[in-house]
C-alpha atoms as a PDB file:
ATOM      1  CA  MET A   1      20.352  17.166   1.983  1.00  0.00           C
ATOM      2  CA  LEU A   2      20.932  19.424   4.966  1.00  0.00           C
ATOM      3  CA  GLU A   3      21.156  17.723   8.348  1.00  0.00           C
ATOM      4  CA  GLU A   4      18.142  19.766   9.480  1.00  0.00           C
ATOM      5  CA  ASP A   5      16.096  18.418   6.557  1.00  0.00           C
ATOM      6  CA  ARG A   6      17.327  14.899   7.232  1.00  0.00           C
ATOM      7  CA  ALA A   7      16.207  15.177  10.873  1.00  0.00           C
ATOM      8  CA  ASP A   8      12.811  16.591   9.851  1.00  0.00           C
ATOM      9  CA  THR A   9      12.312  13.721   7.394  1.00  0.00           C
ATOM     10  CA  ARG A  10      13.104  11.078   9.979  1.00  0.00           C
ATOM     11  CA  ALA A  11      10.806  12.709  12.536  1.00  0.00           C
ATOM     12  CA  ARG A  12       7.936  12.997  10.020  1.00  0.00           C
ATOM     13  CA  TYR A  13       7.974   9.344   9.025  1.00  0.00           C
ATOM     14  CA  ALA A  14       8.644   8.064  12.533  1.00  0.00           C
ATOM     15  CA  ALA A  15       5.534   9.907  13.769  1.00  0.00           C
ATOM     16  CA  ARG A  16       3.431   8.557  10.916  1.00  0.00           C
ATOM     17  CA  TYR A  17       4.710   5.039  11.502  1.00  0.00           C
ATOM     18  CA  ARG A  18       3.738   5.225  15.163  1.00  0.00           C
ATOM     19  CA  GLU A  19       0.252   6.339  14.132  1.00  0.00           C
ATOM     20  CA  PHE A  20      -0.439   4.176  11.075  1.00  0.00           C
ATOM     21  CA  GLY A  21       2.072   1.321  11.146  1.00  0.00           C
ATOM     22  CA  TYR A  22       2.631  -0.627   7.957  1.00  0.00           C
ATOM     23  CA  ASP A  23       0.378   1.339   5.614  1.00  0.00           C
ATOM     24  CA  PRO A  24       0.880   3.565   2.541  1.00  0.00           C
ATOM     25  CA  THR A  25      -0.500   6.433   4.649  1.00  0.00           C
ATOM     26  CA  THR A  26       2.735   6.335   6.641  1.00  0.00           C
ATOM     27  CA  LEU A  27       4.547   7.177   3.409  1.00  0.00           C
ATOM     28  CA  GLY A  28       2.140  10.014   2.605  1.00  0.00           C
ATOM     29  CA  TRP A  29       0.395   7.922  -0.062  1.00  0.00           C
ATOM     30  CA  ASN A  30      -3.111   8.053   1.354  1.00  0.00           C
ATOM     31  CA  LYS A  31      -5.352   7.877  -1.732  1.00  0.00           C
ATOM     32  CA  GLY A  32      -4.793   4.299  -2.871  1.00  0.00           C
ATOM     33  CA  ARG A  33      -2.408   5.216  -5.688  1.00  0.00           C
ATOM     34  CA  GLN A  34       0.805   3.488  -4.646  1.00  0.00           C
ATOM     35  CA  ARG A  35       0.474   0.737  -7.244  1.00  0.00           C
ATOM     36  CA  VAL A  36      -0.351   3.309  -9.930  1.00  0.00           C
ATOM     37  CA  ARG A  37       3.038   4.908  -9.344  1.00  0.00           C
ATOM     38  CA  PHE A  38       4.760   1.531  -9.453  1.00  0.00           C
ATOM     39  CA  ALA A  39       2.970   0.626 -12.678  1.00  0.00           C
ATOM     40  CA  ALA A  40       3.935   3.932 -14.315  1.00  0.00           C
ATOM     41  CA  ALA A  41       7.587   3.472 -13.378  1.00  0.00           C
ATOM     42  CA  LEU A  42       7.669  -0.059 -14.749  1.00  0.00           C
ATOM     43  CA  ASN A  43       5.823   1.006 -17.872  1.00  0.00           C
ATOM     44  CA  ALA A  44       8.811   3.227 -18.585  1.00  0.00           C
ATOM     45  CA  LEU A  45      11.405   0.595 -17.642  1.00  0.00           C
ATOM     46  CA  GLY A  46       9.936  -2.812 -18.399  1.00  0.00           C
ATOM     47  CA  THR A  47      11.029  -5.632 -16.067  1.00  0.00           C
ATOM     48  CA  THR A  48      14.029  -7.088 -17.900  1.00  0.00           C
ATOM     49  CA  PHE A  49      16.584  -5.474 -15.593  1.00  0.00           C
ATOM     50  CA  SER A  50      18.312  -7.828 -13.181  1.00  0.00           C
ATOM     51  CA  SER A  51      19.088  -5.452 -10.298  1.00  0.00           C
ATOM     52  CA  LEU A  52      17.356  -2.462  -8.729  1.00  0.00           C
ATOM     53  CA  LEU A  53      18.372   0.296  -6.349  1.00  0.00           C
ATOM     54  CA  ASP A  54      15.219   1.670  -4.680  1.00  0.00           C
ATOM     55  CA  VAL A  55      16.097   5.108  -3.302  1.00  0.00           C
ATOM     56  CA  GLY A  56      13.834   6.291  -0.495  1.00  0.00           C
ATOM     57  CA  CYS A  57      12.356   2.813  -0.461  1.00  0.00           C
ATOM     58  CA  GLY A  58      10.163   3.202   2.626  1.00  0.00           C
ATOM     59  CA  PHE A  59       8.905  -0.293   3.438  1.00  0.00           C
ATOM     60  CA  GLY A  60      10.234  -1.772   0.192  1.00  0.00           C
ATOM     61  CA  ASP A  61       6.763  -2.230  -1.274  1.00  0.00           C
ATOM     62  CA  LEU A  62       8.152  -1.837  -4.788  1.00  0.00           C
ATOM     63  CA  PHE A  63      10.052  -5.071  -4.232  1.00  0.00           C
ATOM     64  CA  GLY A  64       6.807  -6.841  -3.327  1.00  0.00           C
ATOM     65  CA  TYR A  65       5.135  -5.395  -6.425  1.00  0.00           C
ATOM     66  CA  LEU A  66       7.970  -6.626  -8.623  1.00  0.00           C
ATOM     67  CA  LYS A  67       7.925 -10.084  -7.069  1.00  0.00           C
ATOM     68  CA  ASP A  68       4.172 -10.292  -7.641  1.00  0.00           C
ATOM     69  CA  HIS A  69       4.935  -9.680 -11.331  1.00  0.00           C
ATOM     70  CA  GLY A  70       7.504 -12.455 -11.489  1.00  0.00           C
ATOM     71  CA  TRP A  71      10.696 -10.407 -11.144  1.00  0.00           C
ATOM     72  CA  GLN A  72      13.645 -12.404  -9.774  1.00  0.00           C
ATOM     73  CA  GLY A  73      16.386  -9.784  -9.601  1.00  0.00           C
ATOM     74  CA  ASN A  74      18.714  -8.362  -6.956  1.00  0.00           C
ATOM     75  CA  TYR A  75      17.059  -5.597  -4.894  1.00  0.00           C
ATOM     76  CA  LEU A  76      18.566  -3.066  -2.505  1.00  0.00           C
ATOM     77  CA  GLY A  77      16.298  -0.549  -0.809  1.00  0.00           C
ATOM     78  CA  ILE A  78      17.848   2.474   0.877  1.00  0.00           C
ATOM     79  CA  ASP A  79      16.219   5.042   3.125  1.00  0.00           C
ATOM     80  CA  ILE A  80      17.135   7.338   6.010  1.00  0.00           C
ATOM     81  CA  CYS A  81      14.228   6.234   8.250  1.00  0.00           C
ATOM     82  CA  PRO A  82      15.188   3.245  10.419  1.00  0.00           C
ATOM     83  CA  ASP A  83      11.610   2.355  11.428  1.00  0.00           C
ATOM     84  CA  LEU A  84      10.545   1.933   7.811  1.00  0.00           C
ATOM     85  CA  LEU A  85      13.626  -0.125   6.981  1.00  0.00           C
ATOM     86  CA  ASP A  86      13.078  -2.444   9.949  1.00  0.00           C
ATOM     87  CA  GLU A  87       9.508  -3.077   8.788  1.00  0.00           C
ATOM     88  CA  GLY A  88      10.759  -3.727   5.271  1.00  0.00           C
ATOM     89  CA  ARG A  89      13.327  -6.238   6.499  1.00  0.00           C
ATOM     90  CA  LYS A  90      10.651  -8.136   8.395  1.00  0.00           C
ATOM     91  CA  ARG A  91       8.253  -8.243   5.461  1.00  0.00           C
ATOM     92  CA  PHE A  92      10.510  -8.613   2.467  1.00  0.00           C
ATOM     93  CA  GLY A  93      13.867  -9.767   3.804  1.00  0.00           C
ATOM     94  CA  PRO A  94      12.733 -13.421   3.802  1.00  0.00           C
ATOM     95  CA  ARG A  95      11.850 -13.024   0.100  1.00  0.00           C
ATOM     96  CA  GLY A  96      15.313 -11.775  -0.814  1.00  0.00           C
ATOM     97  CA  ALA A  97      15.190  -7.988  -0.411  1.00  0.00           C
ATOM     98  CA  ARG A  98      18.105  -6.170   1.208  1.00  0.00           C
ATOM     99  CA  PHE A  99      17.950  -2.790   2.953  1.00  0.00           C
ATOM    100  CA  GLU A 100      20.455  -0.163   4.099  1.00  0.00           C
ATOM    101  CA  CYS A 101      20.115   3.093   6.020  1.00  0.00           C
ATOM    102  CA  THR A 102      21.865   5.508   3.648  1.00  0.00           C
ATOM    103  CA  ASP A 103      21.429   9.069   2.399  1.00  0.00           C
ATOM    104  CA  LEU A 104      22.572   8.732  -1.196  1.00  0.00           C
ATOM    105  CA  SER A 105      22.879  12.503  -1.603  1.00  0.00           C
ATOM    106  CA  SER A 106      25.832  12.617   0.793  1.00  0.00           C
ATOM    107  CA  GLU A 107      26.975   9.073   1.641  1.00  0.00           C
ATOM    108  CA  SER A 108      28.842   6.423  -0.319  1.00  0.00           C
ATOM    109  CA  LEU A 109      27.189   3.159  -1.311  1.00  0.00           C
ATOM    110  CA  ALA A 110      28.935  -0.053  -2.363  1.00  0.00           C
ATOM    111  CA  PHE A 111      26.193  -1.114  -4.767  1.00  0.00           C
ATOM    112  CA  THR A 112      25.490  -0.408  -8.421  1.00  0.00           C
ATOM    113  CA  ALA A 113      22.312  -1.644 -10.093  1.00  0.00           C
ATOM    114  CA  ASP A 114      20.963  -1.851 -13.612  1.00  0.00           C
ATOM    115  CA  VAL A 115      18.203   0.551 -12.600  1.00  0.00           C
ATOM    116  CA  ALA A 116      17.806   3.151  -9.834  1.00  0.00           C
ATOM    117  CA  VAL A 117      14.342   4.399  -8.880  1.00  0.00           C
ATOM    118  CA  ALA A 118      13.241   7.198  -6.525  1.00  0.00           C
ATOM    119  CA  LEU A 119       9.486   7.501  -6.025  1.00  0.00           C
ATOM    120  CA  GLY A 120       8.072  10.100  -3.653  1.00  0.00           C
ATOM    121  CA  VAL A 121      11.528  11.266  -2.577  1.00  0.00           C
ATOM    122  CA  PHE A 122      11.176  14.865  -3.794  1.00  0.00           C
ATOM    123  CA  ASN A 123       7.664  15.673  -2.597  1.00  0.00           C
ATOM    124  CA  HIS A 124       8.410  17.753   0.498  1.00  0.00           C
ATOM    125  CA  ARG A 125       9.697  21.312   0.530  1.00  0.00           C
ATOM    126  CA  LEU A 126      13.083  21.482   2.201  1.00  0.00           C
ATOM    127  CA  LYS A 127      14.822  24.184   4.163  1.00  0.00           C
ATOM    128  CA  GLY A 128      17.652  23.723   1.702  1.00  0.00           C
ATOM    129  CA  ASP A 129      17.190  24.249  -2.032  1.00  0.00           C
ATOM    130  CA  ASN A 130      14.931  21.552  -3.493  1.00  0.00           C
ATOM    131  CA  LEU A 131      16.443  21.685  -6.967  1.00  0.00           C
ATOM    132  CA  ASP A 132      19.938  21.359  -5.530  1.00  0.00           C
ATOM    133  CA  PHE A 133      18.737  18.222  -3.753  1.00  0.00           C
ATOM    134  CA  VAL A 134      17.221  16.880  -6.973  1.00  0.00           C
ATOM    135  CA  SER A 135      20.521  17.541  -8.759  1.00  0.00           C
ATOM    136  CA  GLN A 136      22.501  15.760  -6.046  1.00  0.00           C
ATOM    137  CA  MET A 137      20.232  12.733  -6.177  1.00  0.00           C
ATOM    138  CA  LEU A 138      20.214  12.503  -9.974  1.00  0.00           C
ATOM    139  CA  HIS A 139      24.003  12.609  -9.964  1.00  0.00           C
ATOM    140  CA  ALA A 140      24.240   9.893  -7.313  1.00  0.00           C
ATOM    141  CA  MET A 141      21.599   7.666  -8.908  1.00  0.00           C
ATOM    142  CA  TRP A 142      23.294   7.996 -12.297  1.00  0.00           C
ATOM    143  CA  ALA A 143      26.609   6.956 -10.726  1.00  0.00           C
ATOM    144  CA  HIS A 144      25.001   3.911  -9.075  1.00  0.00           C
ATOM    145  CA  SER A 145      23.140   2.620 -12.145  1.00  0.00           C
ATOM    146  CA  THR A 146      24.129   1.245 -15.530  1.00  0.00           C
ATOM    147  CA  GLN A 147      20.909   1.184 -17.573  1.00  0.00           C
ATOM    148  CA  ALA A 148      18.379   3.773 -16.413  1.00  0.00           C
ATOM    149  CA  ILE A 149      17.010   5.879 -13.588  1.00  0.00           C
ATOM    150  CA  VAL A 150      13.393   6.851 -12.863  1.00  0.00           C
ATOM    151  CA  VAL A 151      12.308   9.684 -10.582  1.00  0.00           C
ATOM    152  CA  ASP A 152       8.895  11.195  -9.928  1.00  0.00           C
ATOM    153  CA  PHE A 153       7.609  14.576  -8.800  1.00  0.00           C
ATOM    154  CA  LEU A 154       4.519  16.464  -7.769  1.00  0.00           C
ATOM    155  CA  SER A 155       3.590  18.759 -10.639  1.00  0.00           C
ATOM    156  CA  THR A 156       2.916  22.486 -10.825  1.00  0.00           C
ATOM    157  CA  THR A 157      -0.433  21.506 -12.374  1.00  0.00           C
ATOM    158  CA  ALA A 158      -1.767  20.798  -8.861  1.00  0.00           C
ATOM    159  CA  ASP A 159      -5.050  22.658  -8.361  1.00  0.00           C
ATOM    160  CA  ARG A 160      -4.647  22.782  -4.587  1.00  0.00           C
ATOM    161  CA  PRO A 161      -0.886  23.025  -3.934  1.00  0.00           C
ATOM    162  CA  LYS A 162       0.206  22.838  -0.328  1.00  0.00           C
ATOM    163  CA  PRO A 163       3.002  25.120   0.917  1.00  0.00           C
ATOM    164  CA  GLU A 164       4.822  22.268   2.651  1.00  0.00           C
ATOM    165  CA  LEU A 165       5.087  20.300  -0.595  1.00  0.00           C
ATOM    166  CA  PHE A 166       7.459  20.807  -3.515  1.00  0.00           C
ATOM    167  CA  HIS A 167       5.785  20.995  -6.921  1.00  0.00           C
ATOM    168  CA  ALA A 168       8.349  20.690  -9.681  1.00  0.00           C
ATOM    169  CA  ASP A 169       8.276  22.457 -13.032  1.00  0.00           C
ATOM    170  CA  ALA A 170       8.364  19.685 -15.633  1.00  0.00           C
ATOM    171  CA  ASP A 171      10.348  21.873 -18.057  1.00  0.00           C
ATOM    172  CA  VAL A 172      13.082  22.403 -15.477  1.00  0.00           C
ATOM    173  CA  ILE A 173      13.293  18.703 -14.633  1.00  0.00           C
ATOM    174  CA  LEU A 174      13.376  17.772 -18.316  1.00  0.00           C
ATOM    175  CA  ARG A 175      16.337  20.092 -18.917  1.00  0.00           C
ATOM    176  CA  MET A 176      18.145  18.523 -15.964  1.00  0.00           C
ATOM    177  CA  ALA A 177      17.474  15.047 -17.363  1.00  0.00           C
ATOM    178  CA  LEU A 178      18.675  15.924 -20.862  1.00  0.00           C
ATOM    179  CA  ALA A 179      22.034  16.943 -19.408  1.00  0.00           C
ATOM    180  CA  TYR A 180      22.603  13.231 -18.728  1.00  0.00           C
ATOM    181  CA  SER A 181      21.271  11.624 -21.885  1.00  0.00           C
ATOM    182  CA  LYS A 182      19.420  12.334 -25.125  1.00  0.00           C
ATOM    183  CA  ARG A 183      17.136   9.395 -24.378  1.00  0.00           C
ATOM    184  CA  VAL A 184      14.623  10.685 -21.846  1.00  0.00           C
ATOM    185  CA  ARG A 185      10.928  10.079 -21.233  1.00  0.00           C
ATOM    186  CA  LEU A 186       8.728  12.528 -19.339  1.00  0.00           C
ATOM    187  CA  ASP A 187       5.382  10.945 -18.472  1.00  0.00           C
ATOM    188  CA  HIS A 188       2.587  13.195 -17.228  1.00  0.00           C
ATOM    189  CA  SER A 189      -0.117  10.775 -18.393  1.00  0.00           C
ATOM    190  CA  TYR A 190      -0.821   8.591 -15.364  1.00  0.00           C
ATOM    191  CA  MET A 191      -1.945  11.243 -12.841  1.00  0.00           C
ATOM    192  CA  PRO A 192      -3.103  14.829 -13.297  1.00  0.00           C
ATOM    193  CA  PHE A 193      -0.795  16.310 -10.665  1.00  0.00           C
ATOM    194  CA  GLU A 194       2.313  14.111 -10.815  1.00  0.00           C
ATOM    195  CA  PHE A 195       4.871  13.117 -13.422  1.00  0.00           C
ATOM    196  CA  LEU A 196       7.923  10.923 -13.786  1.00  0.00           C
ATOM    197  CA  VAL A 197      11.120  11.130 -15.768  1.00  0.00           C
ATOM    198  CA  ALA A 198      13.094   8.127 -17.028  1.00  0.00           C
ATOM    199  CA  ILE A 199      16.683   8.622 -18.207  1.00  0.00           C
ATOM    200  CA  TRP A 200      18.610   5.914 -20.049  1.00  0.00           C
ATOM    201  CA  HIS A 201      22.380   5.574 -20.032  1.00  0.00           C
ATOM    202  CA  ASP A 202      22.523   4.221 -23.577  1.00  0.00           C
ATOM    203  CA  ASP A 203      21.491   6.977 -25.955  1.00  0.00           C
ATOM    204  CA  SER A 204      23.598   5.759 -28.876  1.00  0.00           C
ATOM    205  CA  TYR A 205      22.306   5.896 -32.433  1.00  0.00           C
ATOM    206  CA  SER A 206      23.563   5.855 -36.004  1.00  0.00           C
ATOM    207  CA  ALA A 207      23.717   9.049 -38.042  1.00  0.00           C
ATOM    208  CA  ASP A 208      22.272   7.065 -40.956  1.00  0.00           C
ATOM    209  CA  CYS A 209      19.229   6.148 -38.883  1.00  0.00           C
ATOM    210  CA  PRO A 210      18.839   8.398 -35.802  1.00  0.00           C
ATOM    211  CA  VAL A 211      16.660   6.056 -33.768  1.00  0.00           C
ATOM    212  CA  PHE A 212      17.410   4.605 -30.347  1.00  0.00           C
ATOM    213  CA  ALA A 213      18.124   0.870 -30.309  1.00  0.00           C
ATOM    214  CA  PRO A 214      14.779  -0.421 -28.911  1.00  0.00           C
ATOM    215  CA  TYR A 215      12.924   1.191 -31.838  1.00  0.00           C
ATOM    216  CA  LEU A 216      15.141  -0.011 -34.677  1.00  0.00           C
ATOM    217  CA  ARG A 217      12.837  -2.972 -35.233  1.00  0.00           C
ATOM    218  CA  ASP A 218      10.148  -0.541 -36.386  1.00  0.00           C
ATOM    219  CA  VAL A 219      12.306   1.205 -38.973  1.00  0.00           C
ATOM    220  CA  THR A 220      11.082   0.654 -42.526  1.00  0.00           C
ATOM    221  CA  PRO A 221      13.888  -0.732 -44.738  1.00  0.00           C
ATOM    222  CA  GLN A 222      15.050   1.735 -47.387  1.00  0.00           C
ATOM    223  CA  PRO A 223      15.077   0.719 -51.073  1.00  0.00           C
ATOM    224  CA  PRO A 224      18.608   0.183 -52.459  1.00  0.00           C
ATOM    225  CA  GLY A 225      20.255   3.422 -53.444  1.00  0.00           C
ATOM    226  CA  GLU A 226      17.869   5.661 -51.513  1.00  0.00           C
ATOM    227  CA  ARG A 227      19.574   7.904 -48.980  1.00  0.00           C
ATOM    228  CA  PRO A 228      18.043   8.007 -45.510  1.00  0.00           C
ATOM    229  CA  VAL A 229      16.981  11.400 -44.221  1.00  0.00           C
END
């Protein structure tokens, strides 16, 4: 991310925080859909992972959502907006969440998690190239995770697109994701104008039965002597 874009991002969220305080509206999520996004991300991932890197975490509300669903793992939320992080520390630090002020696209991080998630990070149009930023973040999230990453986007299906927002082409994002792994899920089913992509590190399979491991239980056993196709 360019320094100019980083400064604009901090100024945008600082102004919203002064106006709205601890509220999803501060994050630009002003239509009551924050938990829908969380649910869609976890529908892709499940909750069996033991550690999470929340990129662009805002207040860390995803941690609260996970805790409400019984998750007991190790959470690190990172963001570039100090006001949001301070609020997150006050609200969720006593429950075990940790927070750092870090731009993962350009700064090192001494933390690797099972899963890395970035929700709402790519929604604003930058002065720099948005797809370059997406590429940088995917690369960094992949390097700081061991099981999977999940990222979401505003979609080009938006019927009233705003010029200040970045609406991603799902085909382009899918091609970027498939460069990392054959095991990818693109989900455009939870909102009409947004989608997410989940990418798993483990895309191993057997040539005799080309199915990813979680689905092997559903494979019908072959009769003796019959060659699998």
